[in-house]
Amino acid sequence: MYQVNVTKECGCFKKSDFENGVSFHSKDDALMSAQHMVNHMNEKFCGKHEFTLMENGNEFTILVNEREREQHSGCCGGGHCS
């Protein structure tokens, strides 16, 4: 059996139709499902987190990390701040 796990169930994950800890008989099915989840979560969720996939034996783990926030200087880019 192959399993797909998410390390942290954020609010967007809890609101989605995805399930954590899903098992598959086929490695290919597990990998395709995990890749689909990562792509969907990175593209459709709120953007607060970044999702990456890690494989370890029979387990595919989706890591959930805070996205780095862009530094904002307060300048609007109009050329008059310098």
PDB file of N, CA and C in Angstrom:
ATOM      1  N   MET A   1       0.832  -1.181   0.000  1.00  0.00           N
ATOM      2  CA  MET A   1       0.000   0.000   0.000  1.00  0.00           C
ATOM      3  C   MET A   1       0.881   1.250   0.000  1.00  0.00           C
ATOM      4  N   TYR A   2       0.391   2.265  -0.662  1.00  0.00           N
ATOM      5  CA  TYR A   2       1.066   3.557  -0.738  1.00  0.00           C
ATOM      6  C   TYR A   2       0.142   4.607  -0.142  1.00  0.00           C
ATOM      7  N   GLN A   3       0.715   5.530   0.594  1.00  0.00           N
ATOM      8  CA  GLN A   3      -0.108   6.496   1.299  1.00  0.00           C
ATOM      9  C   GLN A   3       0.305   7.920   0.962  1.00  0.00           C
ATOM     10  N   VAL A   4      -0.695   8.819   0.907  1.00  0.00           N
ATOM     11  CA  VAL A   4      -0.465  10.245   0.688  1.00  0.00           C
ATOM     12  C   VAL A   4      -0.893  10.966   1.967  1.00  0.00           C
ATOM     13  N   ASN A   5       0.077  11.664   2.583  1.00  0.00           N
ATOM     14  CA  ASN A   5      -0.180  12.384   3.826  1.00  0.00           C
ATOM     15  C   ASN A   5       0.156  13.859   3.658  1.00  0.00           C
ATOM     16  N   VAL A   6      -0.589  14.701   4.347  1.00  0.00           N
ATOM     17  CA  VAL A   6      -0.332  16.136   4.389  1.00  0.00           C
ATOM     18  C   VAL A   6       0.142  16.455   5.806  1.00  0.00           C
ATOM     19  N   THR A   7       1.279  17.179   5.931  1.00  0.00           N
ATOM     20  CA  THR A   7       1.858  17.412   7.252  1.00  0.00           C
ATOM     21  C   THR A   7       1.030  18.343   8.111  1.00  0.00           C
ATOM     22  N   LYS A   8       0.307  19.281   7.496  1.00  0.00           N
ATOM     23  CA  LYS A   8      -0.486  20.248   8.266  1.00  0.00           C
ATOM     24  C   LYS A   8      -1.767  20.542   7.493  1.00  0.00           C
ATOM     25  N   GLU A   9      -2.890  20.359   8.127  1.00  0.00           N
ATOM     26  CA  GLU A   9      -4.173  20.649   7.488  1.00  0.00           C
ATOM     27  C   GLU A   9      -4.536  22.105   7.754  1.00  0.00           C
ATOM     28  N   CYS A  10      -4.179  22.966   6.805  1.00  0.00           N
ATOM     29  CA  CYS A  10      -4.508  24.385   6.936  1.00  0.00           C
ATOM     30  C   CYS A  10      -6.006  24.582   6.688  1.00  0.00           C
ATOM     31  N   GLY A  11      -6.487  25.785   6.894  1.00  0.00           N
ATOM     32  CA  GLY A  11      -7.903  26.082   6.716  1.00  0.00           C
ATOM     33  C   GLY A  11      -8.404  25.773   5.325  1.00  0.00           C
ATOM     34  N   CYS A  12      -7.607  26.122   4.307  1.00  0.00           N
ATOM     35  CA  CYS A  12      -8.014  25.855   2.923  1.00  0.00           C
ATOM     36  C   CYS A  12      -8.132  24.354   2.668  1.00  0.00           C
ATOM     37  N   PHE A  13      -7.210  23.581   3.251  1.00  0.00           N
ATOM     38  CA  PHE A  13      -7.262  22.129   3.086  1.00  0.00           C
ATOM     39  C   PHE A  13      -8.532  21.578   3.728  1.00  0.00           C
ATOM     40  N   LYS A  14      -8.841  22.055   4.922  1.00  0.00           N
ATOM     41  CA  LYS A  14     -10.021  21.567   5.631  1.00  0.00           C
ATOM     42  C   LYS A  14     -11.306  21.889   4.881  1.00  0.00           C
ATOM     43  N   LYS A  15     -11.324  23.013   4.158  1.00  0.00           N
ATOM     44  CA  LYS A  15     -12.509  23.412   3.392  1.00  0.00           C
ATOM     45  C   LYS A  15     -12.603  22.671   2.054  1.00  0.00           C
ATOM     46  N   SER A  16     -11.494  22.092   1.614  1.00  0.00           N
ATOM     47  CA  SER A  16     -11.462  21.428   0.309  1.00  0.00           C
ATOM     48  C   SER A  16     -12.069  20.027   0.397  1.00  0.00           C
ATOM     49  N   ASP A  17     -12.163  19.380  -0.759  1.00  0.00           N
ATOM     50  CA  ASP A  17     -12.651  18.003  -0.818  1.00  0.00           C
ATOM     51  C   ASP A  17     -11.529  16.982  -0.629  1.00  0.00           C
ATOM     52  N   PHE A  18     -10.296  17.449  -0.435  1.00  0.00           N
ATOM     53  CA  PHE A  18      -9.164  16.539  -0.255  1.00  0.00           C
ATOM     54  C   PHE A  18      -9.221  15.856   1.102  1.00  0.00           C
ATOM     55  N   GLU A  19      -8.647  14.643   1.146  1.00  0.00           N
ATOM     56  CA  GLU A  19      -8.552  13.894   2.393  1.00  0.00           C
ATOM     57  C   GLU A  19      -7.092  13.642   2.713  1.00  0.00           C
ATOM     58  N   ASN A  20      -6.775  13.610   3.987  1.00  0.00           N
ATOM     59  CA  ASN A  20      -5.423  13.324   4.445  1.00  0.00           C
ATOM     60  C   ASN A  20      -5.311  11.840   4.765  1.00  0.00           C
ATOM     61  N   GLY A  21      -4.156  11.243   4.463  1.00  0.00           N
ATOM     62  CA  GLY A  21      -3.930   9.842   4.811  1.00  0.00           C
ATOM     63  C   GLY A  21      -4.606   8.850   3.889  1.00  0.00           C
ATOM     64  N   VAL A  22      -4.729   9.207   2.609  1.00  0.00           N
ATOM     65  CA  VAL A  22      -5.393   8.328   1.647  1.00  0.00           C
ATOM     66  C   VAL A  22      -4.417   7.241   1.194  1.00  0.00           C
ATOM     67  N   SER A  23      -4.893   6.008   1.107  1.00  0.00           N
ATOM     68  CA  SER A  23      -4.070   4.869   0.688  1.00  0.00           C
ATOM     69  C   SER A  23      -4.410   4.429  -0.724  1.00  0.00           C
ATOM     70  N   PHE A  24      -3.393   3.933  -1.429  1.00  0.00           N
ATOM     71  CA  PHE A  24      -3.535   3.445  -2.805  1.00  0.00           C
ATOM     72  C   PHE A  24      -2.808   2.117  -2.931  1.00  0.00           C
ATOM     73  N   HIS A  25      -3.319   1.257  -3.810  1.00  0.00           N
ATOM     74  CA  HIS A  25      -2.655  -0.015  -4.088  1.00  0.00           C
ATOM     75  C   HIS A  25      -1.498   0.167  -5.047  1.00  0.00           C
ATOM     76  N   SER A  26      -1.560   1.192  -5.870  1.00  0.00           N
ATOM     77  CA  SER A  26      -0.557   1.429  -6.907  1.00  0.00           C
ATOM     78  C   SER A  26       0.287   2.653  -6.576  1.00  0.00           C
ATOM     79  N   LYS A  27       1.593   2.528  -6.752  1.00  0.00           N
ATOM     80  CA  LYS A  27       2.498   3.666  -6.539  1.00  0.00           C
ATOM     81  C   LYS A  27       2.173   4.781  -7.528  1.00  0.00           C
ATOM     82  N   ASP A  28       1.900   4.426  -8.770  1.00  0.00           N
ATOM     83  CA  ASP A  28       1.581   5.434  -9.787  1.00  0.00           C
ATOM     84  C   ASP A  28       0.324   6.219  -9.416  1.00  0.00           C
ATOM     85  N   ASP A  29      -0.697   5.532  -8.925  1.00  0.00           N
ATOM     86  CA  ASP A  29      -1.932   6.216  -8.516  1.00  0.00           C
ATOM     87  C   ASP A  29      -1.673   7.166  -7.350  1.00  0.00           C
ATOM     88  N   ALA A  30      -0.881   6.721  -6.391  1.00  0.00           N
ATOM     89  CA  ALA A  30      -0.559   7.565  -5.236  1.00  0.00           C
ATOM     90  C   ALA A  30       0.221   8.798  -5.676  1.00  0.00           C
ATOM     91  N   LEU A  31       1.203   8.602  -6.550  1.00  0.00           N
ATOM     92  CA  LEU A  31       2.019   9.715  -7.037  1.00  0.00           C
ATOM     93  C   LEU A  31       1.179  10.700  -7.833  1.00  0.00           C
ATOM     94  N   MET A  32       0.330  10.207  -8.715  1.00  0.00           N
ATOM     95  CA  MET A  32      -0.516  11.094  -9.521  1.00  0.00           C
ATOM     96  C   MET A  32      -1.473  11.886  -8.633  1.00  0.00           C
ATOM     97  N   SER A  33      -2.042  11.243  -7.631  1.00  0.00           N
ATOM     98  CA  SER A  33      -2.948  11.926  -6.719  1.00  0.00           C
ATOM     99  C   SER A  33      -2.209  12.998  -5.921  1.00  0.00           C
ATOM    100  N   ALA A  34      -1.037  12.650  -5.406  1.00  0.00           N
ATOM    101  CA  ALA A  34      -0.253  13.606  -4.615  1.00  0.00           C
ATOM    102  C   ALA A  34       0.168  14.804  -5.463  1.00  0.00           C
ATOM    103  N   GLN A  35       0.608  14.563  -6.692  1.00  0.00           N
ATOM    104  CA  GLN A  35       1.001  15.661  -7.573  1.00  0.00           C
ATOM    105  C   GLN A  35      -0.192  16.556  -7.907  1.00  0.00           C
ATOM    106  N   HIS A  36      -1.346  15.953  -8.141  1.00  0.00           N
ATOM    107  CA  HIS A  36      -2.557  16.717  -8.404  1.00  0.00           C
ATOM    108  C   HIS A  36      -2.891  17.606  -7.199  1.00  0.00           C
ATOM    109  N   MET A  37      -2.805  17.036  -6.011  1.00  0.00           N
ATOM    110  CA  MET A  37      -3.100  17.800  -4.798  1.00  0.00           C
ATOM    111  C   MET A  37      -2.152  18.982  -4.647  1.00  0.00           C
ATOM    112  N   VAL A  38      -0.861  18.752  -4.810  1.00  0.00           N
ATOM    113  CA  VAL A  38       0.141  19.821  -4.670  1.00  0.00           C
ATOM    114  C   VAL A  38      -0.121  20.926  -5.686  1.00  0.00           C
ATOM    115  N   ASN A  39      -0.334  20.556  -6.934  1.00  0.00           N
ATOM    116  CA  ASN A  39      -0.582  21.558  -7.969  1.00  0.00           C
ATOM    117  C   ASN A  39      -1.837  22.365  -7.666  1.00  0.00           C
ATOM    118  N   HIS A  40      -2.906  21.679  -7.304  1.00  0.00           N
ATOM    119  CA  HIS A  40      -4.172  22.359  -7.001  1.00  0.00           C
ATOM    120  C   HIS A  40      -4.009  23.293  -5.802  1.00  0.00           C
ATOM    121  N   MET A  41      -3.382  22.809  -4.755  1.00  0.00           N
ATOM    122  CA  MET A  41      -3.240  23.612  -3.535  1.00  0.00           C
ATOM    123  C   MET A  41      -2.366  24.844  -3.775  1.00  0.00           C
ATOM    124  N   ASN A  42      -1.295  24.707  -4.558  1.00  0.00           N
ATOM    125  CA  ASN A  42      -0.434  25.860  -4.855  1.00  0.00           C
ATOM    126  C   ASN A  42      -1.127  26.878  -5.756  1.00  0.00           C
ATOM    127  N   GLU A  43      -2.004  26.405  -6.643  1.00  0.00           N
ATOM    128  CA  GLU A  43      -2.658  27.309  -7.594  1.00  0.00           C
ATOM    129  C   GLU A  43      -3.975  27.883  -7.075  1.00  0.00           C
ATOM    130  N   LYS A  44      -4.731  27.126  -6.299  1.00  0.00           N
ATOM    131  CA  LYS A  44      -6.095  27.522  -5.943  1.00  0.00           C
ATOM    132  C   LYS A  44      -6.288  27.953  -4.491  1.00  0.00           C
ATOM    133  N   PHE A  45      -5.413  27.534  -3.591  1.00  0.00           N
ATOM    134  CA  PHE A  45      -5.573  27.911  -2.185  1.00  0.00           C
ATOM    135  C   PHE A  45      -5.167  29.373  -2.005  1.00  0.00           C
ATOM    136  N   CYS A  46      -5.326  29.920  -0.817  1.00  0.00           N
ATOM    137  CA  CYS A  46      -5.200  31.360  -0.553  1.00  0.00           C
ATOM    138  C   CYS A  46      -3.810  31.943  -0.795  1.00  0.00           C
ATOM    139  N   GLY A  47      -2.778  31.136  -0.831  1.00  0.00           N
ATOM    140  CA  GLY A  47      -1.432  31.648  -1.095  1.00  0.00           C
ATOM    141  C   GLY A  47      -0.594  31.856   0.157  1.00  0.00           C
ATOM    142  N   LYS A  48      -1.149  31.604   1.328  1.00  0.00           N
ATOM    143  CA  LYS A  48      -0.404  31.772   2.573  1.00  0.00           C
ATOM    144  C   LYS A  48       0.665  30.691   2.722  1.00  0.00           C
ATOM    145  N   HIS A  49       0.403  29.509   2.158  1.00  0.00           N
ATOM    146  CA  HIS A  49       1.332  28.387   2.278  1.00  0.00           C
ATOM    147  C   HIS A  49       1.855  27.958   0.912  1.00  0.00           C
ATOM    148  N   GLU A  50       2.988  27.280   0.951  1.00  0.00           N
ATOM    149  CA  GLU A  50       3.562  26.658  -0.243  1.00  0.00           C
ATOM    150  C   GLU A  50       3.611  25.156   0.023  1.00  0.00           C
ATOM    151  N   PHE A  51       3.177  24.387  -0.951  1.00  0.00           N
ATOM    152  CA  PHE A  51       3.073  22.943  -0.803  1.00  0.00           C
ATOM    153  C   PHE A  51       4.093  22.256  -1.698  1.00  0.00           C
ATOM    154  N   THR A  52       4.843  21.323  -1.115  1.00  0.00           N
ATOM    155  CA  THR A  52       5.835  20.563  -1.876  1.00  0.00           C
ATOM    156  C   THR A  52       5.664  19.082  -1.570  1.00  0.00           C
ATOM    157  N   LEU A  53       6.090  18.255  -2.516  1.00  0.00           N
ATOM    158  CA  LEU A  53       5.922  16.808  -2.402  1.00  0.00           C
ATOM    159  C   LEU A  53       7.253  16.137  -2.113  1.00  0.00           C
ATOM    160  N   MET A  54       7.220  15.203  -1.162  1.00  0.00           N
ATOM    161  CA  MET A  54       8.405  14.428  -0.813  1.00  0.00           C
ATOM    162  C   MET A  54       8.016  12.950  -0.822  1.00  0.00           C
ATOM    163  N   GLU A  55       8.874  12.131  -1.400  1.00  0.00           N
ATOM    164  CA  GLU A  55       8.638  10.680  -1.432  1.00  0.00           C
ATOM    165  C   GLU A  55       9.604   9.997  -0.482  1.00  0.00           C
ATOM    166  N   ASN A  56       9.065   9.073   0.325  1.00  0.00           N
ATOM    167  CA  ASN A  56       9.896   8.303   1.247  1.00  0.00           C
ATOM    168  C   ASN A  56       9.338   6.882   1.307  1.00  0.00           C
ATOM    169  N   GLY A  57       9.923   5.998   0.510  1.00  0.00           N
ATOM    170  CA  GLY A  57       9.446   4.611   0.478  1.00  0.00           C
ATOM    171  C   GLY A  57       8.042   4.525  -0.081  1.00  0.00           C
ATOM    172  N   ASN A  58       7.117   3.999   0.717  1.00  0.00           N
ATOM    173  CA  ASN A  58       5.722   3.838   0.295  1.00  0.00           C
ATOM    174  C   ASN A  58       4.854   5.035   0.670  1.00  0.00           C
ATOM    175  N   GLU A  59       5.483   6.114   1.112  1.00  0.00           N
ATOM    176  CA  GLU A  59       4.722   7.266   1.566  1.00  0.00           C
ATOM    177  C   GLU A  59       5.074   8.520   0.761  1.00  0.00           C
ATOM    178  N   PHE A  60       4.029   9.221   0.342  1.00  0.00           N
ATOM    179  CA  PHE A  60       4.185  10.514  -0.309  1.00  0.00           C
ATOM    180  C   PHE A  60       3.681  11.552   0.688  1.00  0.00           C
ATOM    181  N   THR A  61       4.558  12.465   1.053  1.00  0.00           N
ATOM    182  CA  THR A  61       4.214  13.471   2.049  1.00  0.00           C
ATOM    183  C   THR A  61       4.159  14.838   1.387  1.00  0.00           C
ATOM    184  N   ILE A  62       3.064  15.533   1.633  1.00  0.00           N
ATOM    185  CA  ILE A  62       2.924  16.905   1.145  1.00  0.00           C
ATOM    186  C   ILE A  62       3.294  17.821   2.301  1.00  0.00           C
ATOM    187  N   LEU A  63       4.403  18.540   2.115  1.00  0.00           N
ATOM    188  CA  LEU A  63       4.900  19.453   3.136  1.00  0.00           C
ATOM    189  C   LEU A  63       4.207  20.801   2.997  1.00  0.00           C
ATOM    190  N   VAL A  64       3.873  21.390   4.122  1.00  0.00           N
ATOM    191  CA  VAL A  64       3.167  22.672   4.148  1.00  0.00           C
ATOM    192  C   VAL A  64       4.081  23.679   4.836  1.00  0.00           C
ATOM    193  N   ASN A  65       4.485  24.709   4.095  1.00  0.00           N
ATOM    194  CA  ASN A  65       5.368  25.737   4.637  1.00  0.00           C
ATOM    195  C   ASN A  65       4.781  27.113   4.401  1.00  0.00           C
ATOM    196  N   GLU A  66       5.083  28.036   5.320  1.00  0.00           N
ATOM    197  CA  GLU A  66       4.655  29.423   5.150  1.00  0.00           C
ATOM    198  C   GLU A  66       5.375  29.982   3.926  1.00  0.00           C
ATOM    199  N   ARG A  67       4.642  30.718   3.105  1.00  0.00           N
ATOM    200  CA  ARG A  67       5.269  31.400   1.970  1.00  0.00           C
ATOM    201  C   ARG A  67       6.054  32.588   2.488  1.00  0.00           C
ATOM    202  N   GLU A  68       7.179  32.844   1.852  1.00  0.00           N
ATOM    203  CA  GLU A  68       7.942  34.030   2.203  1.00  0.00           C
ATOM    204  C   GLU A  68       7.200  35.242   1.697  1.00  0.00           C
ATOM    205  N   ARG A  69       7.049  36.212   2.568  1.00  0.00           N
ATOM    206  CA  ARG A  69       6.373  37.444   2.173  1.00  0.00           C
ATOM    207  C   ARG A  69       7.386  38.373   1.526  1.00  0.00           C
ATOM    208  N   GLU A  70       6.934  39.052   0.477  1.00  0.00           N
ATOM    209  CA  GLU A  70       7.807  40.004  -0.199  1.00  0.00           C
ATOM    210  C   GLU A  70       8.009  41.212   0.693  1.00  0.00           C
ATOM    211  N   GLN A  71       9.251  41.688   0.708  1.00  0.00           N
ATOM    212  CA  GLN A  71       9.552  42.902   1.458  1.00  0.00           C
ATOM    213  C   GLN A  71       9.036  44.097   0.678  1.00  0.00           C
ATOM    214  N   HIS A  72       8.337  44.974   1.366  1.00  0.00           N
ATOM    215  CA  HIS A  72       7.766  46.151   0.701  1.00  0.00           C
ATOM    216  C   HIS A  72       8.368  47.377   1.365  1.00  0.00           C
ATOM    217  N   SER A  73       9.002  48.245   0.565  1.00  0.00           N
ATOM    218  CA  SER A  73       9.658  49.427   1.101  1.00  0.00           C
ATOM    219  C   SER A  73       8.695  50.559   1.374  1.00  0.00           C
ATOM    220  N   GLY A  74       7.472  50.451   0.919  1.00  0.00           N
ATOM    221  CA  GLY A  74       6.513  51.532   1.063  1.00  0.00           C
ATOM    222  C   GLY A  74       6.482  52.419  -0.155  1.00  0.00           C
ATOM    223  N   CYS A  75       7.410  52.236  -1.073  1.00  0.00           N
ATOM    224  CA  CYS A  75       7.475  53.033  -2.282  1.00  0.00           C
ATOM    225  C   CYS A  75       6.451  52.512  -3.282  1.00  0.00           C
ATOM    226  N   CYS A  76       5.760  53.445  -3.923  1.00  0.00           N
ATOM    227  CA  CYS A  76       4.744  53.054  -4.891  1.00  0.00           C
ATOM    228  C   CYS A  76       5.335  52.792  -6.282  1.00  0.00           C
ATOM    229  N   GLY A  77       6.617  53.136  -6.467  1.00  0.00           N
ATOM    230  CA  GLY A  77       7.258  52.914  -7.777  1.00  0.00           C
ATOM    231  C   GLY A  77       7.091  54.067  -8.727  1.00  0.00           C
ATOM    232  N   GLY A  78       6.574  55.184  -8.246  1.00  0.00           N
ATOM    233  CA  GLY A  78       6.335  56.344  -9.119  1.00  0.00           C
ATOM    234  C   GLY A  78       7.564  57.196  -9.408  1.00  0.00           C
ATOM    235  N   GLY A  79       8.688  56.881  -8.757  1.00  0.00           N
ATOM    236  CA  GLY A  79       9.934  57.591  -9.027  1.00  0.00           C
ATOM    237  C   GLY A  79      10.165  58.815  -8.170  1.00  0.00           C
ATOM    238  N   HIS A  80       9.241  59.155  -7.295  1.00  0.00           N
ATOM    239  CA  HIS A  80       9.391  60.365  -6.498  1.00  0.00           C
ATOM    240  C   HIS A  80       9.837  60.078  -5.058  1.00  0.00           C
ATOM    241  N   CYS A  81      10.085  58.841  -4.705  1.00  0.00           N
ATOM    242  CA  CYS A  81      10.469  58.495  -3.327  1.00  0.00           C
ATOM    243  C   CYS A  81      11.971  58.640  -3.082  1.00  0.00           C
ATOM    244  N   SER A  82      12.799  58.668  -4.132  1.00  0.00           N
ATOM    245  CA  SER A  82      14.245  58.699  -3.898  1.00  0.00           C
ATOM    246  C   SER A  82      14.818  60.066  -3.930  1.00  0.00           C
TER     247      SER A  82
END
